[in-house]
Amino acid sequence: MTPTTAHAGLDAVILDYNGVIGLQPTTDQWLRLARTALWPEDDLPAFQHAFWTARTAYDAGHLSDLAYWATVLDHHPGARRLRELRDADTDMWTSIDDHVIDVLHQAHESGLPLVLLSNAPRHLSDVLDRRPWRRLMTHAFSSARLQVCEPDPAAYQHAMNATGAADPDRVLFVDDRDDNCHAARHLGLRTLHYTGHPTDLAAALQPPN
């Protein structure tokens, strides 16, 4: 890849998905997933704790759908319920911020390479690959395919290598989690800790005057 000349300050951008492009799940979506799991609705925090406890291994591709949900529920969910759980889980992570997409369209049209880097299980990665906005990305990497999750340095190195940029300080990493940004900065990447304001992202991607 030949780095863009349209942005004198940046050769490429690496973007996290959830919390940047993707919206955080709503309480209703969490409750739907808990109901699908036959979990008591009045004990949502306990369900979320069980959900997240095994999530890193699932996102990293070390657990199958069945192994993950059997760990969360502490029993085999059965084939039909497993499909329902996977679908409800995937649905939680596929709502996007249209304002962010507008910003990325402008960056893409200017010639700035965009690379997606996300902690996501394999099925969700496949679903995201079919979304229209995915065409804005020069490359897309998910933890399940890389077999490693952020903030492991190897995840950032894969994305960095894909940009073709020689200088990490000319690559911007965007994430809503400060620990991920800290890990990226440690590798020399420029970072934007995204806090939900598309105008901040637009300003970071604005070519110098």
Protein backbone atom coordinates (compact mmCIF):
# COMPACT_ATOMS: atom_id res chain seq x y z
CA MET A 1 0.00 0.00 0.00
CA THR A 2 1.20 3.51 -0.76
CA PRO A 3 0.40 5.85 2.15
CA THR A 4 -1.92 8.70 1.27
CA THR A 5 -0.58 12.17 0.55
CA ALA A 6 -3.96 13.79 1.20
CA HIS A 7 -3.25 13.98 4.94
CA ALA A 8 0.18 15.41 5.57
CA GLY A 9 -0.03 14.51 9.27
CA LEU A 10 -1.35 10.94 8.96
CA ASP A 11 -0.52 7.95 6.80
CA ALA A 12 -3.36 5.76 8.14
CA VAL A 13 -5.95 5.29 10.89
CA ILE A 14 -6.61 2.16 12.95
CA LEU A 15 -10.10 2.09 14.45
CA ASP A 16 -11.62 -0.01 17.16
CA TYR A 17 -15.19 -1.12 16.43
CA ASN A 18 -17.30 -1.23 19.58
CA GLY A 19 -17.62 2.13 21.28
CA VAL A 20 -16.38 3.97 18.19
CA ILE A 21 -18.20 2.74 15.09
CA GLY A 22 -20.52 0.41 16.99
CA LEU A 23 -22.86 1.66 19.71
CA GLN A 24 -22.79 0.14 23.17
CA PRO A 25 -25.64 -2.30 23.87
CA THR A 26 -28.78 -0.93 25.48
CA THR A 27 -30.30 -2.31 28.66
CA ASP A 28 -33.15 -3.74 26.58
CA GLN A 29 -30.66 -5.67 24.44
CA TRP A 30 -28.94 -7.03 27.54
CA LEU A 31 -32.31 -8.08 28.96
CA ARG A 32 -33.23 -9.80 25.70
CA LEU A 33 -30.02 -11.79 25.82
CA ALA A 34 -30.56 -12.66 29.49
CA ARG A 35 -34.11 -13.85 28.73
CA THR A 36 -32.78 -15.95 25.86
CA ALA A 37 -30.35 -17.50 28.33
CA LEU A 38 -33.27 -18.16 30.74
CA TRP A 39 -31.48 -16.01 33.28
CA PRO A 40 -33.61 -14.25 35.95
CA GLU A 41 -34.30 -10.75 34.65
CA ASP A 42 -33.91 -9.26 38.14
CA ASP A 43 -30.30 -10.48 38.26
CA LEU A 44 -28.87 -8.78 35.17
CA PRO A 45 -25.56 -7.78 36.86
CA ALA A 46 -24.82 -11.44 37.64
CA PHE A 47 -25.56 -12.36 34.02
CA GLN A 48 -23.26 -9.63 32.74
CA HIS A 49 -20.52 -10.81 35.09
CA ALA A 50 -20.81 -14.36 33.75
CA PHE A 51 -20.95 -13.01 30.20
CA TRP A 52 -17.69 -11.05 30.54
CA THR A 53 -15.74 -13.57 32.63
CA ALA A 54 -15.13 -15.89 29.66
CA ARG A 55 -15.37 -13.26 26.94
CA THR A 56 -11.66 -12.67 26.34
CA ALA A 57 -11.08 -16.33 25.51
CA TYR A 58 -14.16 -16.32 23.25
CA ASP A 59 -13.13 -13.13 21.48
CA ALA A 60 -9.65 -14.56 20.97
CA GLY A 61 -11.07 -17.60 19.21
CA HIS A 62 -10.02 -19.97 21.98
CA LEU A 63 -13.60 -21.00 22.77
CA SER A 64 -16.28 -22.15 20.34
CA ASP A 65 -19.80 -20.73 20.54
CA LEU A 66 -20.85 -23.83 22.46
CA ALA A 67 -17.89 -23.76 24.85
CA TYR A 68 -18.44 -20.08 25.59
CA TRP A 69 -22.14 -20.31 26.33
CA ALA A 70 -21.73 -23.52 28.30
CA THR A 71 -19.22 -21.63 30.46
CA VAL A 72 -21.54 -18.64 30.91
CA LEU A 73 -24.58 -20.76 31.76
CA ASP A 74 -22.72 -23.60 33.48
CA HIS A 75 -24.61 -26.10 31.32
CA HIS A 76 -25.05 -27.12 27.68
CA PRO A 77 -27.70 -24.79 26.18
CA GLY A 78 -28.82 -27.17 23.42
CA ALA A 79 -28.48 -26.58 19.69
CA ARG A 80 -31.57 -24.39 19.22
CA ARG A 81 -30.92 -22.17 22.24
CA LEU A 82 -27.27 -21.89 21.26
CA ARG A 83 -28.28 -20.43 17.89
CA GLU A 84 -30.69 -18.04 19.62
CA LEU A 85 -28.01 -16.94 22.08
CA ARG A 86 -25.47 -16.35 19.34
CA ASP A 87 -27.98 -14.34 17.30
CA ALA A 88 -29.07 -12.20 20.27
CA ASP A 89 -25.45 -11.66 21.27
CA THR A 90 -24.49 -10.63 17.73
CA ASP A 91 -27.48 -8.29 17.52
CA MET A 92 -26.20 -6.38 20.56
CA TRP A 93 -23.05 -5.35 18.75
CA THR A 94 -24.30 -4.40 15.28
CA SER A 95 -25.93 -1.01 15.89
CA ILE A 96 -23.68 1.73 14.53
CA ASP A 97 -23.21 5.46 14.98
CA ASP A 98 -24.19 6.98 11.64
CA HIS A 99 -22.38 10.22 12.49
CA VAL A 100 -19.10 8.31 12.87
CA ILE A 101 -19.73 6.58 9.55
CA ASP A 102 -20.19 9.99 7.92
CA VAL A 103 -16.79 11.07 9.27
CA LEU A 104 -15.18 7.87 7.98
CA HIS A 105 -16.77 8.33 4.55
CA GLN A 106 -15.11 11.73 4.29
CA ALA A 107 -11.74 10.32 5.38
CA HIS A 108 -12.06 7.44 2.92
CA GLU A 109 -12.93 9.79 0.06
CA SER A 110 -9.84 11.87 0.85
CA GLY A 111 -7.68 8.77 0.38
CA LEU A 112 -6.80 8.13 4.02
CA PRO A 113 -6.41 4.34 4.62
CA LEU A 114 -8.67 3.03 7.38
CA VAL A 115 -7.98 -0.25 9.19
CA LEU A 116 -10.45 -1.95 11.56
CA LEU A 117 -9.12 -3.69 14.67
CA SER A 118 -11.67 -5.21 17.01
CA ASN A 119 -12.05 -7.70 19.83
CA ALA A 120 -14.83 -9.83 18.38
CA PRO A 121 -15.75 -13.52 18.13
CA ARG A 122 -15.72 -15.18 14.74
CA HIS A 123 -19.45 -15.08 13.98
CA LEU A 124 -19.72 -11.37 14.79
CA SER A 125 -16.66 -10.71 12.63
CA ASP A 126 -18.34 -12.47 9.71
CA VAL A 127 -21.50 -10.40 10.19
CA LEU A 128 -19.56 -7.12 10.33
CA ASP A 129 -17.74 -8.03 7.13
CA ARG A 130 -21.09 -7.95 5.31
CA ARG A 131 -22.07 -4.47 6.51
CA PRO A 132 -21.95 -1.68 3.88
CA TRP A 133 -19.56 0.48 5.94
CA ARG A 134 -17.01 -2.34 5.90
CA ARG A 135 -16.08 -1.24 2.35
CA LEU A 136 -14.53 1.88 3.85
CA MET A 137 -11.84 -0.27 5.46
CA THR A 138 -8.68 -1.21 3.62
CA HIS A 139 -8.22 -4.11 6.06
CA ALA A 140 -10.24 -5.53 8.95
CA PHE A 141 -8.77 -7.59 11.78
CA SER A 142 -10.71 -9.31 14.54
CA SER A 143 -9.29 -10.93 17.64
CA ALA A 144 -10.86 -14.30 16.81
CA ARG A 145 -9.04 -14.42 13.49
CA LEU A 146 -5.78 -13.12 14.93
CA GLN A 147 -6.12 -15.39 17.99
CA VAL A 148 -5.13 -12.45 20.18
CA CYS A 149 -7.07 -9.61 21.84
CA GLU A 150 -6.29 -5.98 22.46
CA PRO A 151 -4.39 -4.73 24.38
CA ASP A 152 -1.85 -7.42 23.44
CA PRO A 153 0.89 -5.66 21.42
CA ALA A 154 0.64 -8.35 18.70
CA ALA A 155 -2.86 -7.15 17.79
CA TYR A 156 -1.65 -3.61 17.14
CA GLN A 157 1.37 -4.86 15.24
CA HIS A 158 -0.83 -6.80 12.81
CA ALA A 159 -2.88 -3.67 12.11
CA MET A 160 0.20 -1.47 11.92
CA ASN A 161 1.85 -3.77 9.40
CA ALA A 162 -1.28 -3.67 7.25
CA THR A 163 -1.20 0.12 6.98
CA GLY A 164 2.13 0.05 5.17
CA ALA A 165 3.24 3.07 7.19
CA ALA A 166 6.90 3.18 8.17
CA ASP A 167 6.45 5.56 11.11
CA PRO A 168 3.94 4.57 13.84
CA ASP A 169 3.68 8.22 14.88
CA ARG A 170 1.98 8.88 11.54
CA VAL A 171 -0.73 6.32 12.32
CA LEU A 172 -3.68 7.27 14.52
CA PHE A 173 -5.28 4.62 16.74
CA VAL A 174 -8.85 5.35 17.87
CA ASP A 175 -10.46 3.46 20.77
CA ASP A 176 -12.99 4.18 23.51
CA ARG A 177 -10.90 2.32 26.10
CA ASP A 178 -7.99 4.12 27.72
CA ASP A 179 -6.09 0.88 28.43
CA ASN A 180 -6.11 0.02 24.72
CA CYS A 181 -4.93 3.52 23.84
CA HIS A 182 -2.16 3.26 26.42
CA ALA A 183 -0.94 -0.01 24.90
CA ALA A 184 -0.99 1.53 21.42
CA ARG A 185 0.95 4.59 22.59
CA HIS A 186 3.56 2.26 24.06
CA LEU A 187 4.21 1.02 20.51
CA GLY A 188 4.60 4.56 19.23
CA LEU A 189 1.16 5.01 17.69
CA ARG A 190 -0.65 8.31 17.91
CA THR A 191 -3.93 7.80 19.79
CA LEU A 192 -7.38 9.29 20.24
CA HIS A 193 -9.28 8.16 23.34
CA TYR A 194 -12.76 8.38 21.82
CA THR A 195 -15.49 9.50 24.22
CA GLY A 196 -18.52 9.40 21.96
CA HIS A 197 -18.18 12.73 20.14
CA PRO A 198 -17.90 12.34 16.34
CA THR A 199 -16.70 15.94 16.09
CA ASP A 200 -13.54 14.92 18.01
CA LEU A 201 -12.90 12.16 15.50
CA ALA A 202 -13.52 14.52 12.57
CA ALA A 203 -11.05 17.03 14.02
CA ALA A 204 -8.39 14.33 14.48
CA LEU A 205 -8.76 13.24 10.85
CA GLN A 206 -8.86 16.76 9.42
CA PRO A 207 -5.98 17.40 7.00
CA PRO A 208 -3.64 20.22 8.10
CA ASN A 209 -4.25 23.59 6.45
